[in-house]
Amino acid sequence: MRKFLLVVAGLSLACAAVVALLQSFHKPMSQTYVQDRGYFYRFRADFEVKATGEKIAFDYVAACNIRLTRWRAGGLSNDTTLSPRAMVQATRDGQAVLLQTVDGCHGLTSENGDVPPDLLPLAVWFEDVSDLSAGLGYASEDAYDSPIAKLAFHGARIDRATRYEWEEWRKKSAEQYTERGVLPGPWGYDFPNSDPPGLGQYVRSCEGYRRLQLPDDLRAKLRDLWPEGRPRYWTMPSEAERQSLGNIILLLTRRFEPGDGRGGLPIRSGQIISRSGLRLASRPPTEIYPLLWPPLTSSLPMTKTNEKSKYVQRLDYRDGAMNGFVACQRYWEAIVFDGGGDKPTRRQVFEVDGIVTKEFSGKPPGLERPAFVAERDEAVFQYYSSVF
């Protein structure tokens, strides 16, 4: 009898386990705890509209690593994030300025001297607050010093904040928010992996080319690769770019050790601040110019076209007039491939100031875009991007 009861009890437990398992498929998993590992910092940046003198002041609290959730069914949901990724403000006259949030999640602050006063965040100017799908990015101090600049920059800083300050900022922002054009709301936007309805109307990336002038010894190496006919702008076949033009740029950047130009905080000098707070001379002084993908055809004024006869990527150099700027546009417009078809139905080319330097062979344009473009035997343009 005892053995029988043990068997029955065992079967009952097994059946209960099966029932519980089946029920788990029909109801959402519930969490057992939420562990707060949040880090918060206050990010401020001040601008001025040159034409009117209007002050545009950004002052908000960014949140990092807000929560870590463990589920009863097992596993962790790690919601590590930086939020907001960008904030937008409208001007009195109906333009807009977007500020990309500098990543301060690693504890560097201005008050501790880790972040220098020449911190330079990326700002984007839009001519119309009702259209935030394409704008002109200010990527270096040369942009603000340019005669075509619409904005003046008056500095930025990062300071430690608390969860309470973050919650208070969100509350105050919601109370003071005024809807204009297609502004994303009181708390900016974060560009999640899966876009909610409406988010696609905003820029997702800024792209351009850094122009690096070469010293005499590296100019000699570039001259050896210069095609016959000595074109002003030229490229190498895609499979040979990195082994030819790329190697020349690598030789140049190695002279500016330590640092590899990746990570850290951007500053006006063209250097970076590493996550440990060390100031690195990470790359040679450079110029930077906008890269335009269809449907963009001009960065100033920002112009779109419905041109169907050919697909043109443009480096908007203008003999140096666009130095300091990058072009910012919606992400999928930057990777579009002839309407998504398998084979191109129109000519696809890359131009510098209207001069065709490369004709694509039919692969998706994102794969064909040159990583390097040479100018005579004097300089090399190197591709640059900043994805929000």
Protein backbone atom coordinates (compact mmCIF):
# COMPACT_ATOMS: atom_id res chain seq x y z
CA MET A 1 0.00 0.00 0.00
CA ARG A 2 2.85 2.41 0.88
CA LYS A 3 4.56 1.78 -2.48
CA PHE A 4 1.24 2.33 -4.21
CA LEU A 5 0.74 5.67 -2.45
CA LEU A 6 4.28 6.77 -3.37
CA VAL A 7 3.66 5.91 -7.01
CA VAL A 8 0.37 7.82 -7.00
CA ALA A 9 2.02 10.82 -5.35
CA GLY A 10 4.81 10.74 -7.92
CA LEU A 11 2.33 10.61 -10.78
CA SER A 12 0.38 13.49 -9.24
CA LEU A 13 3.51 15.62 -9.02
CA ALA A 14 4.43 14.81 -12.61
CA CYS A 15 0.93 15.69 -13.80
CA ALA A 16 1.04 18.97 -11.90
CA ALA A 17 4.37 19.82 -13.51
CA VAL A 18 2.95 19.10 -16.97
CA VAL A 19 -0.13 21.23 -16.25
CA ALA A 20 2.06 24.08 -15.02
CA LEU A 21 4.20 23.83 -18.13
CA LEU A 22 1.16 23.90 -20.41
CA GLN A 23 -0.27 26.86 -18.54
CA SER A 24 2.98 28.75 -19.01
CA PHE A 25 2.39 28.71 -22.75
CA HIS A 26 -0.98 30.43 -22.34
CA LYS A 27 -0.12 33.25 -19.97
CA PRO A 28 2.68 35.82 -19.92
CA MET A 29 5.70 35.15 -17.73
CA SER A 30 5.75 37.14 -14.51
CA GLN A 31 8.87 38.68 -13.08
CA THR A 32 10.33 37.71 -9.74
CA TYR A 33 12.35 40.87 -9.16
CA VAL A 34 13.65 43.98 -10.85
CA GLN A 35 17.19 44.99 -9.98
CA ASP A 36 17.92 48.68 -10.49
CA ARG A 37 21.38 49.32 -11.89
CA GLY A 38 20.52 52.68 -13.35
CA TYR A 39 23.09 55.41 -13.88
CA PHE A 40 22.00 58.96 -14.65
CA TYR A 41 23.75 62.07 -15.87
CA ARG A 42 22.77 65.61 -16.80
CA PHE A 43 23.70 66.66 -20.33
CA ARG A 44 23.72 70.31 -21.33
CA ALA A 45 24.60 72.05 -24.58
CA ASP A 46 24.00 75.65 -25.66
CA PHE A 47 23.50 76.96 -29.19
CA GLU A 48 22.48 80.20 -30.86
CA VAL A 49 20.69 80.82 -34.13
CA LYS A 50 23.05 83.24 -35.89
CA ALA A 51 20.42 85.03 -37.95
CA THR A 52 18.18 85.94 -35.01
CA GLY A 53 20.31 85.59 -31.88
CA GLU A 54 17.81 83.10 -30.42
CA LYS A 55 19.32 80.89 -27.71
CA ILE A 56 18.70 77.14 -27.96
CA ALA A 57 19.54 75.51 -24.63
CA PHE A 58 19.41 71.75 -24.12
CA ASP A 59 19.32 70.60 -20.50
CA TYR A 60 18.11 67.07 -19.76
CA VAL A 61 18.88 63.93 -17.78
CA ALA A 62 19.95 60.79 -19.62
CA ALA A 63 19.42 57.31 -18.18
CA CYS A 64 21.67 54.29 -18.58
CA ASN A 65 21.08 50.62 -17.64
CA ILE A 66 17.68 51.35 -16.18
CA ARG A 67 16.66 47.84 -15.10
CA LEU A 68 17.55 44.15 -15.05
CA THR A 69 14.57 41.79 -14.77
CA ARG A 70 14.67 38.07 -13.83
CA TRP A 71 11.72 35.94 -14.96
CA ARG A 72 10.18 33.01 -13.04
CA ALA A 73 10.46 30.83 -16.12
CA GLY A 74 14.20 31.50 -16.16
CA GLY A 75 16.52 33.92 -17.89
CA LEU A 76 17.20 37.62 -17.64
CA SER A 77 15.79 40.57 -19.53
CA ASN A 78 18.60 43.13 -19.63
CA ASP A 79 17.17 46.48 -20.66
CA THR A 80 20.54 48.20 -20.88
CA THR A 81 20.07 51.40 -22.80
CA LEU A 82 20.95 55.05 -23.19
CA SER A 83 17.88 57.23 -23.26
CA PRO A 84 17.17 59.60 -24.87
CA ARG A 85 19.46 59.08 -27.84
CA ALA A 86 18.54 62.49 -29.21
CA MET A 87 16.52 65.57 -28.27
CA VAL A 88 14.92 68.08 -30.64
CA GLN A 89 13.86 71.70 -30.15
CA ALA A 90 12.01 74.00 -32.51
CA THR A 91 13.14 77.57 -33.13
CA ARG A 92 10.81 80.54 -33.01
CA ASP A 93 10.86 80.77 -36.81
CA GLY A 94 9.91 77.14 -37.40
CA GLN A 95 13.28 75.46 -37.89
CA ALA A 96 14.56 72.73 -35.58
CA VAL A 97 17.79 71.63 -33.91
CA LEU A 98 18.53 68.03 -32.95
CA LEU A 99 21.19 67.16 -30.38
CA GLN A 100 22.70 63.67 -30.28
CA THR A 101 23.23 62.58 -26.67
CA VAL A 102 26.90 62.03 -25.87
CA ASP A 103 27.41 58.67 -24.17
CA GLY A 104 28.22 59.50 -20.55
CA CYS A 105 27.30 56.10 -19.14
CA HIS A 106 30.87 55.33 -18.05
CA GLY A 107 31.02 57.87 -15.26
CA LEU A 108 33.09 60.66 -16.80
CA THR A 109 31.91 64.11 -15.74
CA SER A 110 32.83 67.74 -16.33
CA GLU A 111 32.81 68.51 -12.63
CA ASN A 112 35.54 65.93 -11.99
CA GLY A 113 37.63 67.22 -14.87
CA ASP A 114 37.21 63.98 -16.87
CA VAL A 115 35.30 65.78 -19.60
CA PRO A 116 37.13 68.83 -20.98
CA PRO A 117 35.36 72.10 -21.80
CA ASP A 118 35.83 71.50 -25.54
CA LEU A 119 33.36 68.60 -25.65
CA LEU A 120 31.69 68.71 -29.08
CA PRO A 121 28.38 66.83 -29.53
CA LEU A 122 26.76 66.32 -32.91
CA ALA A 123 23.96 68.80 -33.70
CA VAL A 124 21.65 68.69 -36.73
CA TRP A 125 19.89 71.69 -38.30
CA PHE A 126 16.51 71.27 -40.01
CA GLU A 127 14.99 74.02 -42.12
CA ASP A 128 11.44 72.98 -41.22
CA VAL A 129 10.23 71.44 -37.95
CA SER A 130 7.55 69.68 -40.00
CA ASP A 131 10.18 67.61 -41.82
CA LEU A 132 12.88 65.90 -39.74
CA SER A 133 13.77 63.34 -42.41
CA ALA A 134 16.90 65.15 -43.65
CA GLY A 135 19.17 67.71 -41.99
CA LEU A 136 22.66 69.16 -41.99
CA GLY A 137 24.90 67.86 -39.19
CA TYR A 138 27.57 70.00 -37.50
CA ALA A 139 30.38 67.50 -37.02
CA SER A 140 33.37 69.72 -36.23
CA GLU A 141 34.25 73.22 -35.08
CA ASP A 142 34.86 74.15 -38.73
CA ALA A 143 31.11 73.88 -39.33
CA TYR A 144 30.31 76.52 -36.71
CA ASP A 145 33.08 78.78 -38.05
CA SER A 146 31.79 78.46 -41.62
CA PRO A 147 30.15 81.47 -43.33
CA ILE A 148 27.20 79.21 -44.21
CA ALA A 149 26.59 78.09 -40.60
CA LYS A 150 23.11 78.67 -39.20
CA LEU A 151 24.21 77.81 -35.65
CA ALA A 152 26.78 79.01 -33.13
CA PHE A 153 27.92 76.59 -30.41
CA HIS A 154 28.53 77.78 -26.85
CA GLY A 155 29.72 74.62 -25.11
CA ALA A 156 28.49 71.40 -23.52
CA ARG A 157 29.03 69.54 -20.27
CA ILE A 158 28.17 66.31 -18.46
CA ASP A 159 27.35 66.11 -14.72
CA ARG A 160 26.27 63.24 -12.49
CA ALA A 161 22.54 63.06 -11.73
CA THR A 162 20.16 60.87 -9.71
CA ARG A 163 17.09 58.82 -10.50
CA TYR A 164 15.02 61.46 -8.70
CA GLU A 165 16.41 64.19 -10.99
CA TRP A 166 15.66 62.00 -14.02
CA GLU A 167 12.05 61.50 -12.90
CA GLU A 168 11.67 65.21 -12.17
CA TRP A 169 13.04 66.13 -15.58
CA ARG A 170 10.58 63.79 -17.30
CA LYS A 171 7.70 65.22 -15.29
CA LYS A 172 8.66 68.84 -15.96
CA SER A 173 9.29 68.20 -19.65
CA ALA A 174 5.88 66.59 -20.08
CA GLU A 175 4.19 69.55 -18.40
CA GLN A 176 6.02 72.15 -20.50
CA TYR A 177 5.93 70.32 -23.84
CA THR A 178 4.24 72.09 -26.75
CA GLU A 179 3.56 70.08 -29.88
CA ARG A 180 5.01 71.60 -33.05
CA GLY A 181 5.54 70.05 -36.45
CA VAL A 182 6.73 66.48 -36.03
CA LEU A 183 8.62 66.93 -32.77
CA PRO A 184 8.98 63.48 -31.16
CA GLY A 185 7.61 64.47 -27.76
CA PRO A 186 8.93 65.73 -24.42
CA TRP A 187 11.56 63.01 -23.92
CA GLY A 188 13.25 62.84 -27.32
CA TYR A 189 13.57 59.49 -29.07
CA ASP A 190 15.68 56.36 -28.85
CA PHE A 191 15.62 54.54 -32.22
CA PRO A 192 14.65 51.05 -31.00
CA ASN A 193 15.35 47.94 -33.07
CA SER A 194 11.68 47.78 -34.04
CA ASP A 195 10.36 51.17 -35.07
CA PRO A 196 6.93 52.14 -33.72
CA PRO A 197 4.56 53.90 -36.12
CA GLY A 198 5.74 57.39 -36.93
CA LEU A 199 9.35 57.00 -35.86
CA GLY A 200 10.45 56.51 -39.44
CA GLN A 201 10.00 60.20 -40.14
CA TYR A 202 13.20 61.08 -38.27
CA VAL A 203 16.85 60.93 -39.30
CA ARG A 204 18.68 57.80 -38.20
CA SER A 205 22.28 58.44 -39.23
CA CYS A 206 24.71 61.12 -40.39
CA GLU A 207 27.35 60.35 -42.99
CA GLY A 208 30.25 62.00 -44.69
CA TYR A 209 33.90 61.70 -45.68
CA ARG A 210 36.92 62.84 -43.72
CA ARG A 211 39.56 64.43 -45.92
CA LEU A 212 43.12 63.67 -44.84
CA GLN A 213 45.95 65.60 -46.46
CA LEU A 214 49.10 63.54 -46.91
CA PRO A 215 52.74 64.40 -46.16
CA ASP A 216 55.27 64.16 -49.00
CA ASP A 217 56.36 60.56 -48.34
CA LEU A 218 52.79 59.26 -48.40
CA ARG A 219 51.93 61.41 -51.41
CA ALA A 220 54.62 59.48 -53.28
CA LYS A 221 52.88 56.22 -52.37
CA LEU A 222 49.53 57.63 -53.50
CA ARG A 223 51.09 58.82 -56.76
CA ASP A 224 52.11 55.24 -57.56
CA LEU A 225 48.41 54.29 -57.52
CA TRP A 226 47.14 57.31 -59.46
CA PRO A 227 45.44 56.09 -62.67
CA GLU A 228 46.54 57.17 -66.12
CA GLY A 229 44.96 60.41 -67.19
CA ARG A 230 45.53 61.79 -63.70
CA PRO A 231 41.87 62.39 -62.74
CA ARG A 232 41.19 64.83 -59.93
CA TYR A 233 39.01 62.37 -57.97
CA TRP A 234 39.51 58.63 -58.24
CA THR A 235 38.96 55.33 -56.47
CA MET A 236 40.33 51.81 -56.54
CA PRO A 237 38.35 48.63 -57.23
CA SER A 238 36.37 47.68 -54.12
CA GLU A 239 38.39 44.53 -53.42
CA ALA A 240 41.66 46.52 -53.47
CA GLU A 241 40.61 49.64 -51.52
CA ARG A 242 41.83 48.63 -48.09
CA GLN A 243 45.07 47.10 -49.31
CA SER A 244 45.96 50.24 -51.28
CA LEU A 245 44.37 53.52 -50.17
CA GLY A 246 43.49 52.04 -46.79
CA ASN A 247 47.10 51.09 -46.07
CA ILE A 248 48.25 54.62 -46.83
CA ILE A 249 45.72 56.05 -44.36
CA LEU A 250 46.79 53.44 -41.78
CA LEU A 251 50.40 54.61 -42.10
CA LEU A 252 49.21 58.18 -41.51
CA THR A 253 47.06 57.45 -38.46
CA ARG A 254 49.77 55.35 -36.80
CA ARG A 255 51.81 58.53 -36.44
CA PHE A 256 49.21 59.82 -34.02
CA GLU A 257 49.42 57.06 -31.40
CA PRO A 258 48.15 56.28 -28.87
CA GLY A 259 44.53 55.79 -29.75
CA ASP A 260 42.69 54.26 -32.64
CA GLY A 261 39.88 56.78 -33.07
CA ARG A 262 37.19 54.44 -31.73
CA GLY A 263 35.01 55.05 -28.70
CA GLY A 264 35.33 57.82 -26.16
CA LEU A 265 33.98 61.36 -26.22
CA PRO A 266 34.44 63.78 -29.15
CA ILE A 267 36.08 67.13 -28.44
CA ARG A 268 36.72 70.20 -30.56
CA SER A 269 40.42 69.53 -31.08
CA GLY A 270 39.66 66.40 -33.11
CA GLN A 271 40.98 64.18 -30.34
CA ILE A 272 38.91 61.93 -28.10
CA ILE A 273 38.61 61.32 -24.38
CA SER A 274 38.88 57.61 -23.57
CA ARG A 275 36.57 55.90 -21.11
CA SER A 276 39.38 56.01 -18.54
CA GLY A 277 39.61 59.79 -18.91
CA LEU A 278 42.89 59.76 -20.86
CA ARG A 279 43.17 62.37 -23.62
CA LEU A 280 44.21 60.65 -26.84
CA ALA A 281 45.61 62.15 -30.04
CA SER A 282 43.68 59.55 -31.95
CA ARG A 283 43.77 60.82 -35.51
CA PRO A 284 45.39 63.50 -37.64
CA PRO A 285 43.61 66.83 -38.11
CA THR A 286 40.90 66.31 -40.68
CA GLU A 287 38.24 68.06 -42.68
CA ILE A 288 34.83 66.44 -43.10
CA TYR A 289 32.20 66.72 -45.85
CA PRO A 290 28.61 65.48 -46.40
CA LEU A 291 27.74 62.22 -48.16
CA LEU A 292 24.34 62.31 -49.87
CA TRP A 293 22.27 59.22 -50.68
CA PRO A 294 19.16 59.30 -52.84
CA PRO A 295 16.79 61.03 -52.69
CA LEU A 296 19.12 63.82 -51.40
CA THR A 297 20.88 65.79 -54.12
CA SER A 298 22.19 68.82 -52.19
CA SER A 299 23.14 69.48 -48.58
CA LEU A 300 22.76 73.27 -48.82
CA PRO A 301 19.98 73.87 -49.38
CA MET A 302 18.87 70.38 -48.34
CA THR A 303 17.24 69.16 -51.53
CA LYS A 304 15.49 65.94 -52.57
CA THR A 305 14.68 64.68 -56.04
CA ASN A 306 12.50 62.08 -57.73
CA GLU A 307 15.20 61.35 -60.30
CA LYS A 308 14.55 57.88 -61.77
CA SER A 309 17.12 57.61 -64.55
CA LYS A 310 20.11 56.96 -62.29
CA TYR A 311 21.12 56.35 -58.68
CA VAL A 312 23.76 58.80 -57.45
CA GLN A 313 25.70 58.95 -54.20
CA ARG A 314 27.34 62.35 -53.83
CA LEU A 315 30.31 63.61 -51.87
CA ASP A 316 29.39 67.29 -51.41
CA TYR A 317 32.90 68.77 -51.24
CA ARG A 318 32.52 72.06 -53.18
CA ASP A 319 36.27 72.68 -53.07
CA GLY A 320 36.20 72.83 -49.27
CA ALA A 321 33.12 75.03 -48.81
CA MET A 322 31.18 72.27 -46.96
CA ASN A 323 33.97 71.53 -44.48
CA GLY A 324 32.69 70.52 -41.04
CA PHE A 325 29.28 69.25 -42.12
CA VAL A 326 27.69 65.82 -42.60
CA ALA A 327 24.37 64.86 -44.17
CA CYS A 328 21.77 63.22 -41.92
CA GLN A 329 18.81 61.30 -43.28
CA ARG A 330 16.40 58.45 -42.64
CA TYR A 331 18.16 55.14 -42.29
CA TRP A 332 16.38 53.07 -44.92
CA GLU A 333 16.70 55.82 -47.49
CA ALA A 334 20.44 55.47 -46.99
CA ILE A 335 20.39 51.74 -47.80
CA VAL A 336 17.74 51.66 -50.50
CA PHE A 337 18.65 49.56 -53.53
CA ASP A 338 16.67 50.48 -56.61
CA GLY A 339 13.34 49.91 -54.94
CA GLY A 340 14.44 46.63 -53.37
CA GLY A 341 14.82 44.66 -56.59
CA ASP A 342 17.43 41.97 -57.13
CA LYS A 343 18.88 43.66 -60.23
CA PRO A 344 19.42 47.38 -60.85
CA THR A 345 17.25 49.04 -63.47
CA ARG A 346 19.16 52.31 -63.58
CA ARG A 347 22.75 53.47 -63.72
CA GLN A 348 24.36 53.69 -60.29
CA VAL A 349 27.34 55.97 -59.72
CA PHE A 350 29.38 57.79 -57.07
CA GLU A 351 30.18 61.47 -57.67
CA VAL A 352 32.37 64.16 -56.14
CA ASP A 353 31.03 67.61 -57.03
CA GLY A 354 29.37 66.21 -60.14
CA ILE A 355 32.41 64.22 -61.32
CA VAL A 356 31.72 60.49 -61.58
CA THR A 357 34.50 58.61 -59.79
CA LYS A 358 32.98 55.13 -59.61
CA GLU A 359 30.24 53.16 -61.34
CA PHE A 360 28.59 50.44 -59.29
CA SER A 361 28.47 46.91 -60.60
CA GLY A 362 24.97 46.06 -59.39
CA LYS A 363 25.42 45.12 -55.75
CA PRO A 364 23.42 46.98 -53.08
CA PRO A 365 24.81 50.56 -52.98
CA GLY A 366 25.67 50.24 -49.28
CA LEU A 367 28.18 47.56 -50.24
CA GLU A 368 29.49 49.50 -53.22
CA ARG A 369 30.01 52.85 -51.50
CA PRO A 370 33.77 53.63 -51.59
CA ALA A 371 35.53 53.43 -48.25
CA PHE A 372 38.22 55.74 -49.67
CA VAL A 373 38.28 58.36 -52.44
CA ALA A 374 41.53 60.00 -53.50
CA GLU A 375 42.05 63.59 -54.68
CA ARG A 376 44.91 63.69 -57.16
CA ASP A 377 48.02 62.64 -55.20
CA GLU A 378 47.29 65.10 -52.40
CA ALA A 379 44.62 63.71 -50.08
CA VAL A 380 42.32 60.79 -49.33
CA PHE A 381 38.68 61.00 -48.29
CA GLN A 382 37.73 58.32 -45.74
CA TYR A 383 34.09 57.31 -45.10
CA TYR A 384 32.54 58.42 -41.79
CA SER A 385 29.18 57.67 -40.16
CA SER A 386 27.38 58.31 -36.90
CA VAL A 387 24.28 56.17 -36.28
CA PHE A 388 22.00 57.35 -33.49
